[in-house]
Amino acid sequence: MLDPTFLDAVAELIGKGPARAPAKRAVVAASNRKALVSELRSFGEDSVASAIEVAADELIWAIGQRATQLAFSGENVPRSLCLAAVERIEGQARPLARKRRQRAKPS
């Protein structure tokens, strides 16, 4: 289930735009960062995930924009996000460490 704070932030961003809602942009970036780190780890990209945990919000937004381009070219959204993150963090595109996601086992 999506966090209501996240949904409010997205609605305000859509309505006002990112330049007029910087606090809401930060909320969305934080939510996107958390989801992206989880996806990266599930594809075996731990070092990229660690870099994303401390990356600037602007980089998270840039990754989202690149991921959108990849998704429109036919890649699924989770892979698009991970491929875009690898490309931005490492400076060039490459395949992900795993072809399929591996979910963490509950302890």
Protein backbone atom coordinates (compact mmCIF):
# COMPACT_ATOMS: atom_id res chain seq x y z
CA MET A 1 0.00 0.00 0.00
CA LEU A 2 1.29 3.46 -0.85
CA ASP A 3 2.08 5.92 1.90
CA PRO A 4 -0.53 8.75 1.99
CA THR A 5 2.27 11.30 2.46
CA PHE A 6 3.80 10.08 -0.78
CA LEU A 7 0.47 10.31 -2.61
CA ASP A 8 -0.12 13.87 -1.33
CA ALA A 9 3.37 14.85 -2.43
CA VAL A 10 2.87 13.40 -5.91
CA ALA A 11 -0.46 15.21 -6.27
CA GLU A 12 1.09 18.53 -5.29
CA LEU A 13 4.04 17.98 -7.63
CA ILE A 14 1.69 17.30 -10.50
CA GLY A 15 -0.41 20.32 -9.65
CA LYS A 16 2.34 22.85 -8.96
CA GLY A 17 5.41 21.35 -10.61
CA PRO A 18 8.71 20.45 -8.91
CA ALA A 19 10.04 24.03 -8.85
CA ARG A 20 7.07 25.25 -6.80
CA ALA A 21 6.91 22.31 -4.40
CA PRO A 22 10.50 21.55 -3.26
CA ALA A 23 9.49 19.98 0.05
CA LYS A 24 7.11 17.61 -1.74
CA ARG A 25 9.82 16.82 -4.28
CA ALA A 26 12.03 15.69 -1.39
CA VAL A 27 9.29 13.37 -0.09
CA VAL A 28 8.87 11.79 -3.52
CA ALA A 29 12.63 11.47 -4.00
CA ALA A 30 12.97 9.72 -0.62
CA SER A 31 10.21 7.25 -1.52
CA ASN A 32 11.72 6.66 -4.95
CA ARG A 33 15.17 6.16 -3.39
CA LYS A 34 13.87 3.51 -0.98
CA ALA A 35 12.09 1.59 -3.74
CA LEU A 36 15.08 1.88 -6.08
CA VAL A 37 17.51 0.57 -3.45
CA SER A 38 15.23 -2.41 -2.85
CA GLU A 39 14.97 -3.17 -6.57
CA LEU A 40 18.73 -2.83 -7.10
CA ARG A 41 19.46 -5.27 -4.28
CA SER A 42 16.94 -7.75 -5.72
CA PHE A 43 18.87 -7.67 -9.02
CA GLY A 44 22.21 -8.20 -7.22
CA GLU A 45 23.39 -4.59 -7.57
CA ASP A 46 24.44 -3.98 -3.96
CA SER A 47 27.24 -1.50 -4.73
CA VAL A 48 24.96 0.64 -6.90
CA ALA A 49 22.25 0.43 -4.22
CA SER A 50 24.73 1.70 -1.62
CA ALA A 51 25.61 4.65 -3.85
CA ILE A 52 21.92 5.46 -4.34
CA GLU A 53 21.34 5.52 -0.57
CA VAL A 54 23.56 8.61 -0.30
CA ALA A 55 22.98 10.16 -3.75
CA ALA A 56 21.55 13.65 -4.18
CA ASP A 57 17.84 14.00 -4.91
CA GLU A 58 18.71 15.46 -8.32
CA LEU A 59 20.43 12.20 -9.28
CA ILE A 60 17.36 10.22 -8.21
CA TRP A 61 15.23 12.42 -10.47
CA ALA A 62 17.68 11.99 -13.36
CA ILE A 63 17.55 8.22 -12.92
CA GLY A 64 13.76 8.37 -13.02
CA GLN A 65 13.84 10.33 -16.27
CA ARG A 66 16.28 7.88 -17.88
CA ALA A 67 14.22 4.94 -16.61
CA THR A 68 11.15 6.43 -18.29
CA GLN A 69 13.01 6.47 -21.61
CA LEU A 70 14.04 2.84 -21.14
CA ALA A 71 10.50 1.83 -20.19
CA PHE A 72 9.08 3.46 -23.31
CA SER A 73 11.57 1.46 -25.38
CA GLY A 74 9.98 -1.76 -24.08
CA GLU A 75 11.86 -2.57 -20.86
CA ASN A 76 9.76 -3.28 -17.76
CA VAL A 77 9.70 -0.57 -15.08
CA PRO A 78 11.72 -2.25 -12.30
CA ARG A 79 14.50 -3.23 -14.72
CA SER A 80 14.36 0.23 -16.32
CA LEU A 81 14.97 1.87 -12.97
CA CYS A 82 17.86 -0.43 -12.16
CA LEU A 83 19.46 -0.12 -15.59
CA ALA A 84 19.19 3.67 -15.39
CA ALA A 85 20.75 3.68 -11.91
CA VAL A 86 23.68 1.54 -13.05
CA GLU A 87 24.19 3.82 -16.05
CA ARG A 88 24.15 7.02 -13.95
CA ILE A 89 26.28 5.69 -11.09
CA GLU A 90 28.89 3.86 -13.18
CA GLY A 91 28.89 6.20 -16.17
CA GLN A 92 27.93 3.62 -18.77
CA ALA A 93 25.20 1.10 -19.44
CA ARG A 94 25.69 -2.60 -18.71
CA PRO A 95 23.49 -5.62 -17.98
CA LEU A 96 22.30 -6.11 -14.42
CA ALA A 97 24.05 -8.69 -12.24
CA ARG A 98 20.92 -10.88 -12.25
CA LYS A 99 18.44 -11.38 -15.07
CA ARG A 100 15.62 -11.99 -12.62
CA ARG A 101 14.83 -10.44 -9.26
CA GLN A 102 15.64 -12.43 -6.17
CA ARG A 103 13.57 -11.35 -3.20
CA ALA A 104 15.15 -11.30 0.24
CA LYS A 105 13.99 -14.19 2.37
CA PRO A 106 12.21 -13.21 5.59
CA SER A 107 14.20 -13.94 8.71
